[in-house]
Amino acid sequence: MGARYRHLLALFFVLLVLGLEVHGNRLPQADEPASPALLAQVQEYLHGYWDAAKNAMKDLYHKSYLPSVDEKVRDMYSKGTTAMSTYTGIFTDQLLSMLKGD
């Protein structure tokens, strides 16, 4: 659970920095430096982090690829999406009947 709290803490700091950027110093546009905005830097950092994590997962997947595990994952995905579509349909029907008042 320590990793979960670290992720929440990191998300809090990202949102705090973004909030400070929005409510930060109200200088006229002409007085701002030509460097990229903090939001652009944060977005660039997050995209880089996402790409690095995605590449690491791809490498791990290719190193540990087992056809039987792949088949099981595909089967679990298929069953999961079938169940989710069924429950989503039921939920939608219940919501519509509540809104209609039948």
PDB file of N, CA and C in Angstrom:
ATOM      1  N   MET A   1       0.806  -1.187   0.000  1.00  0.00           N
ATOM      2  CA  MET A   1       0.000   0.000   0.000  1.00  0.00           C
ATOM      3  C   MET A   1       0.854   1.259   0.000  1.00  0.00           C
ATOM      4  N   GLY A   2       2.108   1.122   0.325  1.00  0.00           N
ATOM      5  CA  GLY A   2       2.981   2.277   0.319  1.00  0.00           C
ATOM      6  C   GLY A   2       3.125   2.872  -1.070  1.00  0.00           C
ATOM      7  N   ALA A   3       3.164   2.006  -2.082  1.00  0.00           N
ATOM      8  CA  ALA A   3       3.287   2.496  -3.458  1.00  0.00           C
ATOM      9  C   ALA A   3       2.028   3.251  -3.871  1.00  0.00           C
ATOM     10  N   ARG A   4       0.889   2.798  -3.383  1.00  0.00           N
ATOM     11  CA  ARG A   4      -0.364   3.460  -3.731  1.00  0.00           C
ATOM     12  C   ARG A   4      -0.376   4.882  -3.176  1.00  0.00           C
ATOM     13  N   TYR A   5       0.063   5.030  -1.936  1.00  0.00           N
ATOM     14  CA  TYR A   5       0.093   6.360  -1.335  1.00  0.00           C
ATOM     15  C   TYR A   5       1.121   7.255  -2.016  1.00  0.00           C
ATOM     16  N   ARG A   6       2.235   6.670  -2.467  1.00  0.00           N
ATOM     17  CA  ARG A   6       3.220   7.470  -3.196  1.00  0.00           C
ATOM     18  C   ARG A   6       2.641   7.972  -4.507  1.00  0.00           C
ATOM     19  N   HIS A   7       1.853   7.117  -5.185  1.00  0.00           N
ATOM     20  CA  HIS A   7       1.223   7.544  -6.429  1.00  0.00           C
ATOM     21  C   HIS A   7       0.200   8.648  -6.162  1.00  0.00           C
ATOM     22  N   LEU A   8      -0.576   8.486  -5.086  1.00  0.00           N
ATOM     23  CA  LEU A   8      -1.543   9.532  -4.749  1.00  0.00           C
ATOM     24  C   LEU A   8      -0.841  10.827  -4.367  1.00  0.00           C
ATOM     25  N   LEU A   9       0.271  10.725  -3.649  1.00  0.00           N
ATOM     26  CA  LEU A   9       1.031  11.911  -3.274  1.00  0.00           C
ATOM     27  C   LEU A   9       1.603  12.598  -4.514  1.00  0.00           C
ATOM     28  N   ALA A  10       2.122  11.800  -5.457  1.00  0.00           N
ATOM     29  CA  ALA A  10       2.653  12.376  -6.687  1.00  0.00           C
ATOM     30  C   ALA A  10       1.537  13.058  -7.485  1.00  0.00           C
ATOM     31  N   LEU A  11       0.367  12.416  -7.557  1.00  0.00           N
ATOM     32  CA  LEU A  11      -0.771  13.019  -8.255  1.00  0.00           C
ATOM     33  C   LEU A  11      -1.188  14.320  -7.570  1.00  0.00           C
ATOM     34  N   PHE A  12      -1.171  14.340  -6.234  1.00  0.00           N
ATOM     35  CA  PHE A  12      -1.508  15.553  -5.502  1.00  0.00           C
ATOM     36  C   PHE A  12      -0.555  16.682  -5.845  1.00  0.00           C
ATOM     37  N   PHE A  13       0.750  16.373  -5.894  1.00  0.00           N
ATOM     38  CA  PHE A  13       1.720  17.416  -6.206  1.00  0.00           C
ATOM     39  C   PHE A  13       1.581  17.914  -7.642  1.00  0.00           C
ATOM     40  N   VAL A  14       1.261  17.013  -8.568  1.00  0.00           N
ATOM     41  CA  VAL A  14       1.052  17.442  -9.956  1.00  0.00           C
ATOM     42  C   VAL A  14      -0.147  18.387 -10.028  1.00  0.00           C
ATOM     43  N   LEU A  15      -1.236  18.001  -9.342  1.00  0.00           N
ATOM     44  CA  LEU A  15      -2.413  18.863  -9.348  1.00  0.00           C
ATOM     45  C   LEU A  15      -2.134  20.179  -8.624  1.00  0.00           C
ATOM     46  N   LEU A  16      -1.342  20.137  -7.561  1.00  0.00           N
ATOM     47  CA  LEU A  16      -0.981  21.360  -6.860  1.00  0.00           C
ATOM     48  C   LEU A  16      -0.175  22.297  -7.752  1.00  0.00           C
ATOM     49  N   VAL A  17       0.784  21.734  -8.481  1.00  0.00           N
ATOM     50  CA  VAL A  17       1.600  22.555  -9.385  1.00  0.00           C
ATOM     51  C   VAL A  17       0.739  23.136 -10.491  1.00  0.00           C
ATOM     52  N   LEU A  18      -0.157  22.326 -11.044  1.00  0.00           N
ATOM     53  CA  LEU A  18      -1.043  22.834 -12.087  1.00  0.00           C
ATOM     54  C   LEU A  18      -1.965  23.915 -11.535  1.00  0.00           C
ATOM     55  N   GLY A  19      -2.451  23.734 -10.305  1.00  0.00           N
ATOM     56  CA  GLY A  19      -3.293  24.744  -9.685  1.00  0.00           C
ATOM     57  C   GLY A  19      -2.538  26.037  -9.443  1.00  0.00           C
ATOM     58  N   LEU A  20      -1.299  25.927  -9.014  1.00  0.00           N
ATOM     59  CA  LEU A  20      -0.495  27.129  -8.803  1.00  0.00           C
ATOM     60  C   LEU A  20      -0.182  27.816 -10.126  1.00  0.00           C
ATOM     61  N   GLU A  21      -0.040  27.038 -11.185  1.00  0.00           N
ATOM     62  CA  GLU A  21       0.209  27.627 -12.500  1.00  0.00           C
ATOM     63  C   GLU A  21      -1.004  28.429 -12.952  1.00  0.00           C
ATOM     64  N   VAL A  22      -2.192  27.896 -12.674  1.00  0.00           N
ATOM     65  CA  VAL A  22      -3.414  28.589 -13.075  1.00  0.00           C
ATOM     66  C   VAL A  22      -3.626  29.843 -12.235  1.00  0.00           C
ATOM     67  N   HIS A  23      -3.393  29.753 -10.928  1.00  0.00           N
ATOM     68  CA  HIS A  23      -3.632  30.879 -10.036  1.00  0.00           C
ATOM     69  C   HIS A  23      -2.353  31.628  -9.700  1.00  0.00           C
ATOM     70  N   GLY A  24      -1.332  31.441 -10.481  1.00  0.00           N
ATOM     71  CA  GLY A  24      -0.028  32.023 -10.191  1.00  0.00           C
ATOM     72  C   GLY A  24       0.049  33.512 -10.472  1.00  0.00           C
ATOM     73  N   ASN A  25       1.233  33.959 -10.715  1.00  0.00           N
ATOM     74  CA  ASN A  25       1.532  35.374 -10.908  1.00  0.00           C
ATOM     75  C   ASN A  25       0.785  35.912 -12.127  1.00  0.00           C
ATOM     76  N   ARG A  26       0.058  36.985 -11.953  1.00  0.00           N
ATOM     77  CA  ARG A  26      -0.761  37.552 -13.028  1.00  0.00           C
ATOM     78  C   ARG A  26       0.005  38.635 -13.777  1.00  0.00           C
ATOM     79  N   LEU A  27       1.065  38.256 -14.465  1.00  0.00           N
ATOM     80  CA  LEU A  27       1.844  39.212 -15.247  1.00  0.00           C
ATOM     81  C   LEU A  27       1.239  39.340 -16.641  1.00  0.00           C
ATOM     82  N   PRO A  28       1.378  40.472 -17.259  1.00  0.00           N
ATOM     83  CA  PRO A  28       0.921  40.595 -18.643  1.00  0.00           C
ATOM     84  C   PRO A  28       1.681  39.624 -19.547  1.00  0.00           C
ATOM     85  N   GLN A  29       1.064  39.251 -20.643  1.00  0.00           N
ATOM     86  CA  GLN A  29       1.647  38.266 -21.549  1.00  0.00           C
ATOM     87  C   GLN A  29       3.005  38.705 -22.087  1.00  0.00           C
ATOM     88  N   ALA A  30       3.193  39.997 -22.313  1.00  0.00           N
ATOM     89  CA  ALA A  30       4.443  40.480 -22.904  1.00  0.00           C
ATOM     90  C   ALA A  30       5.616  40.350 -21.941  1.00  0.00           C
ATOM     91  N   ASP A  31       5.362  40.355 -20.630  1.00  0.00           N
ATOM     92  CA  ASP A  31       6.432  40.286 -19.646  1.00  0.00           C
ATOM     93  C   ASP A  31       6.888  38.856 -19.355  1.00  0.00           C
ATOM     94  N   GLU A  32       6.167  37.870 -19.828  1.00  0.00           N
ATOM     95  CA  GLU A  32       6.529  36.486 -19.548  1.00  0.00           C
ATOM     96  C   GLU A  32       7.747  36.083 -20.372  1.00  0.00           C
ATOM     97  N   PRO A  33       8.607  35.246 -19.803  1.00  0.00           N
ATOM     98  CA  PRO A  33       9.772  34.783 -20.554  1.00  0.00           C
ATOM     99  C   PRO A  33       9.365  33.876 -21.711  1.00  0.00           C
ATOM    100  N   ALA A  34      10.275  33.697 -22.642  1.00  0.00           N
ATOM    101  CA  ALA A  34       9.995  32.914 -23.843  1.00  0.00           C
ATOM    102  C   ALA A  34      10.103  31.414 -23.598  1.00  0.00           C
ATOM    103  N   SER A  35      10.445  30.986 -22.367  1.00  0.00           N
ATOM    104  CA  SER A  35      10.573  29.558 -22.069  1.00  0.00           C
ATOM    105  C   SER A  35       9.196  28.903 -22.075  1.00  0.00           C
ATOM    106  N   PRO A  36       9.154  27.576 -22.296  1.00  0.00           N
ATOM    107  CA  PRO A  36       7.854  26.900 -22.336  1.00  0.00           C
ATOM    108  C   PRO A  36       7.147  26.989 -20.988  1.00  0.00           C
ATOM    109  N   ALA A  37       5.849  26.978 -21.026  1.00  0.00           N
ATOM    110  CA  ALA A  37       5.047  27.082 -19.815  1.00  0.00           C
ATOM    111  C   ALA A  37       5.228  25.845 -18.947  1.00  0.00           C
ATOM    112  N   LEU A  38       4.946  25.993 -17.681  1.00  0.00           N
ATOM    113  CA  LEU A  38       5.087  24.882 -16.744  1.00  0.00           C
ATOM    114  C   LEU A  38       4.172  23.731 -17.135  1.00  0.00           C
ATOM    115  N   LEU A  39       2.996  24.045 -17.603  1.00  0.00           N
ATOM    116  CA  LEU A  39       2.061  23.007 -18.017  1.00  0.00           C
ATOM    117  C   LEU A  39       2.634  22.197 -19.175  1.00  0.00           C
ATOM    118  N   ALA A  40       3.253  22.857 -20.118  1.00  0.00           N
ATOM    119  CA  ALA A  40       3.858  22.154 -21.252  1.00  0.00           C
ATOM    120  C   ALA A  40       5.003  21.264 -20.778  1.00  0.00           C
ATOM    121  N   GLN A  41       5.768  21.745 -19.799  1.00  0.00           N
ATOM    122  CA  GLN A  41       6.861  20.931 -19.261  1.00  0.00           C
ATOM    123  C   GLN A  41       6.324  19.707 -18.535  1.00  0.00           C
ATOM    124  N   VAL A  42       5.248  19.898 -17.757  1.00  0.00           N
ATOM    125  CA  VAL A  42       4.650  18.775 -17.043  1.00  0.00           C
ATOM    126  C   VAL A  42       4.075  17.771 -18.037  1.00  0.00           C
ATOM    127  N   GLN A  43       3.411  18.264 -19.078  1.00  0.00           N
ATOM    128  CA  GLN A  43       2.859  17.367 -20.086  1.00  0.00           C
ATOM    129  C   GLN A  43       3.965  16.596 -20.787  1.00  0.00           C
ATOM    130  N   GLU A  44       5.044  17.267 -21.106  1.00  0.00           N
ATOM    131  CA  GLU A  44       6.172  16.601 -21.753  1.00  0.00           C
ATOM    132  C   GLU A  44       6.761  15.528 -20.846  1.00  0.00           C
ATOM    133  N   TYR A  45       6.896  15.847 -19.566  1.00  0.00           N
ATOM    134  CA  TYR A  45       7.425  14.879 -18.612  1.00  0.00           C
ATOM    135  C   TYR A  45       6.491  13.671 -18.502  1.00  0.00           C
ATOM    136  N   LEU A  46       5.170  13.922 -18.407  1.00  0.00           N
ATOM    137  CA  LEU A  46       4.219  12.816 -18.290  1.00  0.00           C
ATOM    138  C   LEU A  46       4.195  11.958 -19.546  1.00  0.00           C
ATOM    139  N   HIS A  47       4.287  12.577 -20.717  1.00  0.00           N
ATOM    140  CA  HIS A  47       4.335  11.798 -21.955  1.00  0.00           C
ATOM    141  C   HIS A  47       5.597  10.947 -21.999  1.00  0.00           C
ATOM    142  N   GLY A  48       6.723  11.519 -21.581  1.00  0.00           N
ATOM    143  CA  GLY A  48       7.967  10.753 -21.542  1.00  0.00           C
ATOM    144  C   GLY A  48       7.878   9.600 -20.569  1.00  0.00           C
ATOM    145  N   TYR A  49       7.295   9.849 -19.391  1.00  0.00           N
ATOM    146  CA  TYR A  49       7.116   8.790 -18.396  1.00  0.00           C
ATOM    147  C   TYR A  49       6.201   7.704 -18.930  1.00  0.00           C
ATOM    148  N   TRP A  50       5.099   8.089 -19.586  1.00  0.00           N
ATOM    149  CA  TRP A  50       4.153   7.121 -20.143  1.00  0.00           C
ATOM    150  C   TRP A  50       4.833   6.279 -21.233  1.00  0.00           C
ATOM    151  N   ASP A  51       5.585   6.916 -22.107  1.00  0.00           N
ATOM    152  CA  ASP A  51       6.272   6.182 -23.165  1.00  0.00           C
ATOM    153  C   ASP A  51       7.302   5.212 -22.584  1.00  0.00           C
ATOM    154  N   ALA A  52       8.029   5.645 -21.565  1.00  0.00           N
ATOM    155  CA  ALA A  52       9.031   4.767 -20.938  1.00  0.00           C
ATOM    156  C   ALA A  52       8.351   3.581 -20.272  1.00  0.00           C
ATOM    157  N   ALA A  53       7.243   3.819 -19.582  1.00  0.00           N
ATOM    158  CA  ALA A  53       6.516   2.726 -18.927  1.00  0.00           C
ATOM    159  C   ALA A  53       5.938   1.771 -19.964  1.00  0.00           C
ATOM    160  N   LYS A  54       5.420   2.330 -21.057  1.00  0.00           N
ATOM    161  CA  LYS A  54       4.843   1.495 -22.109  1.00  0.00           C
ATOM    162  C   LYS A  54       5.916   0.631 -22.762  1.00  0.00           C
ATOM    163  N   ASN A  55       7.069   1.209 -23.034  1.00  0.00           N
ATOM    164  CA  ASN A  55       8.159   0.439 -23.634  1.00  0.00           C
ATOM    165  C   ASN A  55       8.676  -0.629 -22.684  1.00  0.00           C
ATOM    166  N   ALA A  56       8.744  -0.315 -21.393  1.00  0.00           N
ATOM    167  CA  ALA A  56       9.190  -1.310 -20.411  1.00  0.00           C
ATOM    168  C   ALA A  56       8.205  -2.470 -20.344  1.00  0.00           C
ATOM    169  N   MET A  57       6.918  -2.177 -20.399  1.00  0.00           N
ATOM    170  CA  MET A  57       5.916  -3.243 -20.369  1.00  0.00           C
ATOM    171  C   MET A  57       5.969  -4.085 -21.641  1.00  0.00           C
ATOM    172  N   LYS A  58       6.200  -3.450 -22.779  1.00  0.00           N
ATOM    173  CA  LYS A  58       6.324  -4.213 -24.021  1.00  0.00           C
ATOM    174  C   LYS A  58       7.524  -5.148 -23.962  1.00  0.00           C
ATOM    175  N   ASP A  59       8.654  -4.636 -23.461  1.00  0.00           N
ATOM    176  CA  ASP A  59       9.842  -5.471 -23.332  1.00  0.00           C
ATOM    177  C   ASP A  59       9.601  -6.628 -22.379  1.00  0.00           C
ATOM    178  N   LEU A  60       8.954  -6.357 -21.252  1.00  0.00           N
ATOM    179  CA  LEU A  60       8.653  -7.407 -20.292  1.00  0.00           C
ATOM    180  C   LEU A  60       7.718  -8.435 -20.901  1.00  0.00           C
ATOM    181  N   TYR A  61       6.737  -7.977 -21.648  1.00  0.00           N
ATOM    182  CA  TYR A  61       5.798  -8.890 -22.292  1.00  0.00           C
ATOM    183  C   TYR A  61       6.517  -9.783 -23.299  1.00  0.00           C
ATOM    184  N   HIS A  62       7.397  -9.203 -24.100  1.00  0.00           N
ATOM    185  CA  HIS A  62       8.101  -9.999 -25.103  1.00  0.00           C
ATOM    186  C   HIS A  62       9.081 -10.976 -24.467  1.00  0.00           C
ATOM    187  N   LYS A  63       9.685 -10.608 -23.339  1.00  0.00           N
ATOM    188  CA  LYS A  63      10.617 -11.508 -22.662  1.00  0.00           C
ATOM    189  C   LYS A  63       9.897 -12.674 -21.995  1.00  0.00           C
ATOM    190  N   SER A  64       8.701 -12.420 -21.486  1.00  0.00           N
ATOM    191  CA  SER A  64       7.988 -13.452 -20.745  1.00  0.00           C
ATOM    192  C   SER A  64       6.782 -13.995 -21.508  1.00  0.00           C
ATOM    193  N   TYR A  65       6.791 -13.924 -22.800  1.00  0.00           N
ATOM    194  CA  TYR A  65       5.651 -14.363 -23.610  1.00  0.00           C
ATOM    195  C   TYR A  65       5.497 -15.873 -23.532  1.00  0.00           C
ATOM    196  N   LEU A  66       4.336 -16.305 -23.134  1.00  0.00           N
ATOM    197  CA  LEU A  66       3.979 -17.718 -23.115  1.00  0.00           C
ATOM    198  C   LEU A  66       2.644 -17.855 -23.834  1.00  0.00           C
ATOM    199  N   PRO A  67       2.580 -18.698 -24.858  1.00  0.00           N
ATOM    200  CA  PRO A  67       1.324 -18.825 -25.615  1.00  0.00           C
ATOM    201  C   PRO A  67       0.135 -19.229 -24.745  1.00  0.00           C
ATOM    202  N   SER A  68       0.354 -20.111 -23.775  1.00  0.00           N
ATOM    203  CA  SER A  68      -0.766 -20.554 -22.940  1.00  0.00           C
ATOM    204  C   SER A  68      -1.290 -19.402 -22.076  1.00  0.00           C
ATOM    205  N   VAL A  69      -0.382 -18.577 -21.559  1.00  0.00           N
ATOM    206  CA  VAL A  69      -0.803 -17.425 -20.751  1.00  0.00           C
ATOM    207  C   VAL A  69      -1.519 -16.419 -21.637  1.00  0.00           C
ATOM    208  N   ASP A  70      -1.013 -16.216 -22.834  1.00  0.00           N
ATOM    209  CA  ASP A  70      -1.644 -15.283 -23.765  1.00  0.00           C
ATOM    210  C   ASP A  70      -3.064 -15.738 -24.090  1.00  0.00           C
ATOM    211  N   GLU A  71      -3.245 -17.030 -24.286  1.00  0.00           N
ATOM    212  CA  GLU A  71      -4.567 -17.564 -24.580  1.00  0.00           C
ATOM    213  C   GLU A  71      -5.505 -17.356 -23.388  1.00  0.00           C
ATOM    214  N   LYS A  72      -4.999 -17.571 -22.180  1.00  0.00           N
ATOM    215  CA  LYS A  72      -5.821 -17.376 -20.979  1.00  0.00           C
ATOM    216  C   LYS A  72      -6.203 -15.913 -20.801  1.00  0.00           C
ATOM    217  N   VAL A  73      -5.258 -15.013 -21.071  1.00  0.00           N
ATOM    218  CA  VAL A  73      -5.549 -13.584 -20.948  1.00  0.00           C
ATOM    219  C   VAL A  73      -6.594 -13.171 -21.971  1.00  0.00           C
ATOM    220  N   ARG A  74      -6.462 -13.658 -23.196  1.00  0.00           N
ATOM    221  CA  ARG A  74      -7.458 -13.335 -24.222  1.00  0.00           C
ATOM    222  C   ARG A  74      -8.838 -13.867 -23.836  1.00  0.00           C
ATOM    223  N   ASP A  75      -8.880 -15.075 -23.264  1.00  0.00           N
ATOM    224  CA  ASP A  75     -10.147 -15.667 -22.842  1.00  0.00           C
ATOM    225  C   ASP A  75     -10.756 -14.857 -21.697  1.00  0.00           C
ATOM    226  N   MET A  76      -9.920 -14.460 -20.713  1.00  0.00           N
ATOM    227  CA  MET A  76     -10.419 -13.651 -19.604  1.00  0.00           C
ATOM    228  C   MET A  76     -10.928 -12.304 -20.103  1.00  0.00           C
ATOM    229  N   TYR A  77     -10.222 -11.707 -21.049  1.00  0.00           N
ATOM    230  CA  TYR A  77     -10.658 -10.429 -21.612  1.00  0.00           C
ATOM    231  C   TYR A  77     -11.996 -10.582 -22.320  1.00  0.00           C
ATOM    232  N   SER A  78     -12.134 -11.648 -23.086  1.00  0.00           N
ATOM    233  CA  SER A  78     -13.380 -11.883 -23.812  1.00  0.00           C
ATOM    234  C   SER A  78     -14.547 -12.081 -22.848  1.00  0.00           C
ATOM    235  N   LYS A  79     -14.353 -12.901 -21.831  1.00  0.00           N
ATOM    236  CA  LYS A  79     -15.417 -13.132 -20.851  1.00  0.00           C
ATOM    237  C   LYS A  79     -15.718 -11.864 -20.064  1.00  0.00           C
ATOM    238  N   GLY A  80     -14.691 -11.114 -19.729  1.00  0.00           N
ATOM    239  CA  GLY A  80     -14.891  -9.874 -18.976  1.00  0.00           C
ATOM    240  C   GLY A  80     -15.664  -8.842 -19.760  1.00  0.00           C
ATOM    241  N   THR A  81     -15.330  -8.673 -21.031  1.00  0.00           N
ATOM    242  CA  THR A  81     -16.046  -7.687 -21.846  1.00  0.00           C
ATOM    243  C   THR A  81     -17.485  -8.130 -22.083  1.00  0.00           C
ATOM    244  N   THR A  82     -17.711  -9.443 -22.212  1.00  0.00           N
ATOM    245  CA  THR A  82     -19.079  -9.942 -22.376  1.00  0.00           C
ATOM    246  C   THR A  82     -19.896  -9.647 -21.128  1.00  0.00           C
ATOM    247  N   ALA A  83     -19.318  -9.930 -19.957  1.00  0.00           N
ATOM    248  CA  ALA A  83     -20.026  -9.665 -18.699  1.00  0.00           C
ATOM    249  C   ALA A  83     -20.268  -8.174 -18.517  1.00  0.00           C
ATOM    250  N   MET A  84     -19.279  -7.356 -18.834  1.00  0.00           N
ATOM    251  CA  MET A  84     -19.444  -5.912 -18.670  1.00  0.00           C
ATOM    252  C   MET A  84     -20.510  -5.365 -19.609  1.00  0.00           C
ATOM    253  N   SER A  85     -20.562  -5.868 -20.822  1.00  0.00           N
ATOM    254  CA  SER A  85     -21.602  -5.379 -21.727  1.00  0.00           C
ATOM    255  C   SER A  85     -22.982  -5.811 -21.247  1.00  0.00           C
ATOM    256  N   THR A  86     -23.078  -7.002 -20.663  1.00  0.00           N
ATOM    257  CA  THR A  86     -24.362  -7.458 -20.115  1.00  0.00           C
ATOM    258  C   THR A  86     -24.785  -6.570 -18.950  1.00  0.00           C
ATOM    259  N   TYR A  87     -23.868  -6.344 -17.999  1.00  0.00           N
ATOM    260  CA  TYR A  87     -24.209  -5.526 -16.837  1.00  0.00           C
ATOM    261  C   TYR A  87     -24.444  -4.070 -17.217  1.00  0.00           C
ATOM    262  N   THR A  88     -23.745  -3.576 -18.214  1.00  0.00           N
ATOM    263  CA  THR A  88     -23.970  -2.208 -18.678  1.00  0.00           C
ATOM    264  C   THR A  88     -25.359  -2.088 -19.288  1.00  0.00           C
ATOM    265  N   GLY A  89     -25.777  -3.104 -20.042  1.00  0.00           N
ATOM    266  CA  GLY A  89     -27.128  -3.109 -20.601  1.00  0.00           C
ATOM    267  C   GLY A  89     -28.194  -3.129 -19.526  1.00  0.00           C
ATOM    268  N   ILE A  90     -27.974  -3.957 -18.492  1.00  0.00           N
ATOM    269  CA  ILE A  90     -28.931  -4.022 -17.383  1.00  0.00           C
ATOM    270  C   ILE A  90     -29.000  -2.678 -16.671  1.00  0.00           C
ATOM    271  N   PHE A  91     -27.843  -2.095 -16.398  1.00  0.00           N
ATOM    272  CA  PHE A  91     -27.797  -0.791 -15.718  1.00  0.00           C
ATOM    273  C   PHE A  91     -28.489   0.277 -16.552  1.00  0.00           C
ATOM    274  N   THR A  92     -28.251   0.271 -17.847  1.00  0.00           N
ATOM    275  CA  THR A  92     -28.891   1.257 -18.729  1.00  0.00           C
ATOM    276  C   THR A  92     -30.398   1.095 -18.716  1.00  0.00           C
ATOM    277  N   ASP A  93     -30.861  -0.165 -18.789  1.00  0.00           N
ATOM    278  CA  ASP A  93     -32.305  -0.404 -18.746  1.00  0.00           C
ATOM    279  C   ASP A  93     -32.907   0.065 -17.432  1.00  0.00           C
ATOM    280  N   GLN A  94     -32.250  -0.222 -16.312  1.00  0.00           N
ATOM    281  CA  GLN A  94     -32.747   0.211 -15.012  1.00  0.00           C
ATOM    282  C   GLN A  94     -32.773   1.736 -14.907  1.00  0.00           C
ATOM    283  N   LEU A  95     -31.745   2.375 -15.398  1.00  0.00           N
ATOM    284  CA  LEU A  95     -31.672   3.839 -15.349  1.00  0.00           C
ATOM    285  C   LEU A  95     -32.768   4.463 -16.195  1.00  0.00           C
ATOM    286  N   LEU A  96     -32.986   3.929 -17.381  1.00  0.00           N
ATOM    287  CA  LEU A  96     -34.028   4.468 -18.252  1.00  0.00           C
ATOM    288  C   LEU A  96     -35.402   4.249 -17.668  1.00  0.00           C
ATOM    289  N   SER A  97     -35.632   3.082 -17.040  1.00  0.00           N
ATOM    290  CA  SER A  97     -36.945   2.855 -16.446  1.00  0.00           C
ATOM    291  C   SER A  97     -37.171   3.768 -15.244  1.00  0.00           C
ATOM    292  N   MET A  98     -36.098   4.087 -14.487  1.00  0.00           N
ATOM    293  CA  MET A  98     -36.235   5.025 -13.369  1.00  0.00           C
ATOM    294  C   MET A  98     -36.537   6.432 -13.888  1.00  0.00           C
ATOM    295  N   LEU A  99     -35.890   6.831 -14.978  1.00  0.00           N
ATOM    296  CA  LEU A  99     -36.107   8.165 -15.518  1.00  0.00           C
ATOM    297  C   LEU A  99     -37.491   8.301 -16.144  1.00  0.00           C
ATOM    298  N   LYS A 100     -37.986   7.237 -16.774  1.00  0.00           N
ATOM    299  CA  LYS A 100     -39.301   7.260 -17.383  1.00  0.00           C
ATOM    300  C   LYS A 100     -40.411   7.231 -16.336  1.00  0.00           C
ATOM    301  N   GLY A 101     -40.141   6.541 -15.234  1.00  0.00           N
ATOM    302  CA  GLY A 101     -41.150   6.443 -14.183  1.00  0.00           C
ATOM    303  C   GLY A 101     -42.106   5.309 -14.389  1.00  0.00           C
ATOM    304  N   ASP A 102     -41.717   4.295 -15.130  1.00  0.00           N
ATOM    305  CA  ASP A 102     -42.601   3.128 -15.359  1.00  0.00           C
ATOM    306  C   ASP A 102     -42.699   2.266 -14.133  1.00  0.00           C
TER     307      ASP A 102
END
